[in-house]
N, C-alpha and C. Protein backbone atom coordinates (compact mmCIF):
# COMPACT_ATOMS: atom_id res chain seq x y z
N MET A 1 0.48 -1.39 -0.41
CA MET A 1 -0.06 0.01 0.04
C MET A 1 1.33 1.12 -0.20
N ASN A 2 0.50 2.44 -1.02
CA ASN A 2 1.78 3.14 -0.71
C ASN A 2 0.71 4.42 -0.59
N ASN A 3 1.55 5.32 0.31
CA ASN A 3 0.81 6.65 0.96
C ASN A 3 0.83 7.97 -0.78
N ALA A 4 0.02 8.79 -0.15
CA ALA A 4 0.56 9.82 -1.87
C ALA A 4 1.63 10.45 -2.48
N GLY A 5 3.13 9.72 -0.63
CA GLY A 5 4.09 9.97 -1.46
C GLY A 5 4.76 9.53 -2.37
N GLY A 6 4.63 8.05 -2.66
CA GLY A 6 4.63 7.18 -3.35
C GLY A 6 5.74 6.18 -2.28
N LYS A 7 6.10 6.55 -1.44
CA LYS A 7 6.66 5.76 -0.25
C LYS A 7 5.62 4.90 0.87
N PRO A 8 6.14 3.12 0.49
CA PRO A 8 4.68 1.87 1.56
C PRO A 8 5.30 2.17 2.69
N LYS A 9 3.94 2.07 2.78
CA LYS A 9 3.97 2.53 4.85
C LYS A 9 4.04 0.82 5.82
N ILE A 10 3.83 -0.02 4.72
CA ILE A 10 3.92 -1.34 5.31
C ILE A 10 4.16 -1.75 3.84
N CYS A 11 5.82 -2.37 4.09
CA CYS A 11 6.02 -3.92 3.13
C CYS A 11 5.93 -4.93 3.37
N LEU A 12 5.07 -5.91 3.42
CA LEU A 12 5.01 -7.49 3.68
C LEU A 12 6.09 -8.47 3.16
N VAL A 13 6.67 -9.37 3.81
CA VAL A 13 8.02 -9.98 3.51
C VAL A 13 7.31 -11.08 2.06
N LYS A 14 8.63 -11.40 0.94
CA LYS A 14 8.06 -11.56 0.48
C LYS A 14 8.15 -12.46 -0.16
N ASP A 15 8.04 -13.22 1.20
CA ASP A 15 7.81 -14.60 1.35
C ASP A 15 6.94 -15.13 1.70
N LEU A 16 5.50 -14.24 1.52
CA LEU A 16 4.15 -14.61 2.71
C LEU A 16 3.34 -15.49 2.23
N ASP A 17 3.24 -15.57 0.97
CA ASP A 17 2.05 -16.43 0.30
C ASP A 17 2.73 -18.16 0.52
N GLU A 18 3.91 -18.52 0.62
CA GLU A 18 4.19 -19.45 1.16
C GLU A 18 3.94 -20.25 2.50
N TYR A 19 3.64 -18.78 3.11
CA TYR A 19 2.26 -19.61 4.54
C TYR A 19 1.05 -20.15 3.90
N ASN A 20 0.57 -19.63 2.81
CA ASN A 20 -1.15 -19.85 2.56
C ASN A 20 -0.88 -21.53 2.82
N PHE A 21 -2.14 -22.84 3.90
CA PHE A 21 -2.72 -23.48 4.45
C PHE A 21 -1.72 -24.29 5.15
N LYS A 22 -0.57 -23.84 5.75
CA LYS A 22 0.07 -23.55 6.62
C LYS A 22 -0.24 -23.23 8.27
N THR A 23 0.19 -23.01 9.04
CA THR A 23 0.11 -22.43 10.39
C THR A 23 1.73 -21.77 10.58
N MET A 24 1.13 -20.13 11.00
CA MET A 24 2.25 -19.51 11.21
C MET A 24 2.51 -19.63 12.71
N PRO A 25 3.73 -19.78 12.90
CA PRO A 25 3.49 -19.76 14.37
C PRO A 25 3.84 -18.35 15.01
N VAL A 26 3.59 -18.02 16.39
CA VAL A 26 3.81 -16.51 17.10
C VAL A 26 5.15 -16.16 16.68
N GLY A 27 5.49 -14.45 16.92
CA GLY A 27 6.12 -13.95 16.77
C GLY A 27 6.10 -13.95 14.83
N THR A 28 5.77 -14.72 13.93
CA THR A 28 6.07 -14.87 12.35
C THR A 28 6.23 -13.44 11.70
N LEU A 29 7.34 -13.13 10.90
CA LEU A 29 7.58 -12.11 10.05
C LEU A 29 6.07 -11.32 9.74
N LEU A 30 5.24 -10.33 9.96
CA LEU A 30 4.64 -10.58 8.44
C LEU A 30 5.12 -9.24 6.99
N GLY A 31 6.45 -8.46 7.89
CA GLY A 31 6.27 -6.76 7.14
C GLY A 31 7.00 -5.92 7.98
N HIS A 32 7.32 -5.00 7.15
CA HIS A 32 8.16 -4.17 8.20
C HIS A 32 7.22 -2.48 7.88
N ARG A 33 7.00 -0.99 9.12
CA ARG A 33 6.60 -0.61 7.99
C ARG A 33 7.31 0.68 8.74
N THR A 34 7.20 1.83 7.62
CA THR A 34 7.78 2.85 8.26
C THR A 34 7.63 3.54 9.21
N PRO A 35 9.20 3.36 9.37
CA PRO A 35 8.96 4.68 11.25
C PRO A 35 7.86 5.47 11.52
N GLU A 36 7.61 5.60 13.03
CA GLU A 36 6.90 6.58 12.91
C GLU A 36 5.29 6.44 12.02
N SER A 37 4.84 5.65 11.40
CA SER A 37 3.56 5.00 10.93
C SER A 37 2.98 4.85 11.84
N HIS A 38 1.71 4.89 11.28
CA HIS A 38 0.78 4.14 12.11
C HIS A 38 0.08 3.51 11.61
N ALA A 39 0.78 3.48 10.17
CA ALA A 39 0.10 2.04 9.11
C ALA A 39 -0.78 0.73 9.68
N CYS A 40 -1.20 -0.21 9.78
CA CYS A 40 -1.35 -1.26 10.30
C CYS A 40 -1.94 -2.79 9.39
N ILE A 41 -1.61 -3.33 9.42
CA ILE A 41 -2.66 -4.62 9.25
C ILE A 41 -3.80 -5.26 10.02
N LEU A 42 -4.66 -5.33 8.85
CA LEU A 42 -5.73 -5.40 9.53
C LEU A 42 -6.43 -7.30 9.62
N VAL A 43 -7.33 -8.06 10.13
CA VAL A 43 -7.22 -9.01 10.37
C VAL A 43 -9.04 -9.20 10.91
N LYS A 44 -9.87 -9.43 9.85
CA LYS A 44 -10.96 -9.51 9.88
C LYS A 44 -11.65 -10.50 9.77
N ASP A 45 -12.40 -11.15 10.32
CA ASP A 45 -13.32 -13.29 9.85
C ASP A 45 -14.27 -12.88 9.06
N ALA A 46 -14.88 -13.84 8.17
CA ALA A 46 -16.39 -13.78 7.44
C ALA A 46 -17.04 -12.98 7.75
N ASP A 47 -17.61 -12.61 8.24
CA ASP A 47 -18.20 -11.46 8.78
C ASP A 47 -17.61 -10.45 8.96
N GLY A 48 -16.59 -9.40 8.60
CA GLY A 48 -16.24 -8.93 8.93
C GLY A 48 -15.97 -8.25 10.42
N THR A 49 -16.07 -9.14 11.82
CA THR A 49 -15.26 -8.65 12.40
C THR A 49 -14.10 -9.09 12.80
N ASP A 50 -13.64 -7.33 13.18
CA ASP A 50 -11.78 -7.00 13.56
C ASP A 50 -11.60 -7.73 14.56
N HIS A 51 -10.06 -9.50 14.31
CA HIS A 51 -9.21 -9.65 15.60
C HIS A 51 -7.67 -9.05 15.67
N THR A 52 -7.69 -7.63 14.48
CA THR A 52 -6.82 -7.19 15.05
C THR A 52 -5.24 -7.01 16.07
N GLN A 53 -6.57 -6.87 17.44
CA GLN A 53 -5.74 -6.71 18.16
C GLN A 53 -4.96 -7.79 18.43
N GLU A 54 -5.99 -9.24 18.58
CA GLU A 54 -6.36 -10.70 18.93
C GLU A 54 -4.74 -11.66 18.33
N TYR A 55 -4.23 -10.83 17.14
CA TYR A 55 -3.52 -11.41 15.65
C TYR A 55 -2.15 -10.59 15.67
N ILE A 56 -2.21 -9.56 15.90
CA ILE A 56 -0.81 -8.11 15.14
C ILE A 56 -0.35 -7.39 16.02
N TYR A 57 1.05 -7.87 16.39
CA TYR A 57 1.27 -6.71 17.22
C TYR A 57 2.77 -5.74 16.29
N THR A 58 2.61 -4.89 16.86
CA THR A 58 4.54 -3.73 15.80
C THR A 58 5.36 -3.21 17.42
N GLU A 59 6.54 -3.91 17.05
CA GLU A 59 7.46 -3.80 18.32
C GLU A 59 8.82 -3.24 17.32
N ASN A 60 9.32 -2.14 17.04
CA ASN A 60 10.83 -1.77 16.30
C ASN A 60 9.75 -2.03 14.81
N ASP A 61 8.77 -1.37 14.64
CA ASP A 61 8.94 -1.07 13.38
C ASP A 61 8.20 -2.50 12.47
N GLU A 62 8.38 -3.42 13.62
CA GLU A 62 8.14 -5.28 12.73
C GLU A 62 6.59 -5.54 12.64
N VAL A 63 5.71 -5.83 12.23
CA VAL A 63 4.81 -6.09 11.90
C VAL A 63 4.86 -8.65 12.37
N ARG A 64 4.28 -8.20 13.81
CA ARG A 64 4.63 -10.16 13.90
C ARG A 64 3.18 -10.11 14.75
N LEU A 65 2.69 -11.63 14.75
CA LEU A 65 1.72 -12.63 15.11
C LEU A 65 2.10 -12.10 16.68
N LYS A 66 0.59 -12.33 17.38
CA LYS A 66 0.60 -12.03 18.40
C LYS A 66 0.49 -14.31 18.48
N ARG A 67 -0.40 -14.02 18.05
CA ARG A 67 -1.05 -15.85 17.81
C ARG A 67 -0.39 -16.57 16.72
N PRO A 68 -0.61 -18.34 17.17
CA PRO A 68 -0.53 -18.58 15.66
C PRO A 68 -1.88 -18.58 14.62
N ALA A 69 -1.47 -18.96 13.53
CA ALA A 69 -2.39 -18.31 12.50
C ALA A 69 -2.54 -19.43 11.29
N PHE A 70 -3.59 -19.06 10.50
CA PHE A 70 -3.88 -20.01 9.68
C PHE A 70 -4.19 -20.04 8.58
N PRO A 71 -3.24 -19.16 8.06
CA PRO A 71 -3.90 -18.15 6.82
C PRO A 71 -4.35 -19.16 5.39
N ALA A 72 -5.57 -19.36 4.46
CA ALA A 72 -6.29 -19.79 3.76
C ALA A 72 -6.80 -18.94 2.33
């Protein structure tokens, strides 16, 4: 996702698609966000309920999993 200035706010890891249909363990690195950015990755279920706070945390501008996940 790019902002108006063209710099990405979040860069996903390049091999993220390799986790499809596999369990991603706690602490899995999902990407990096631009320093001082408030950008985030959203996690929603099929009904649109937001579960971001349950699954995602950011530390030192690294976006990681709080709990195991099975992307499909």
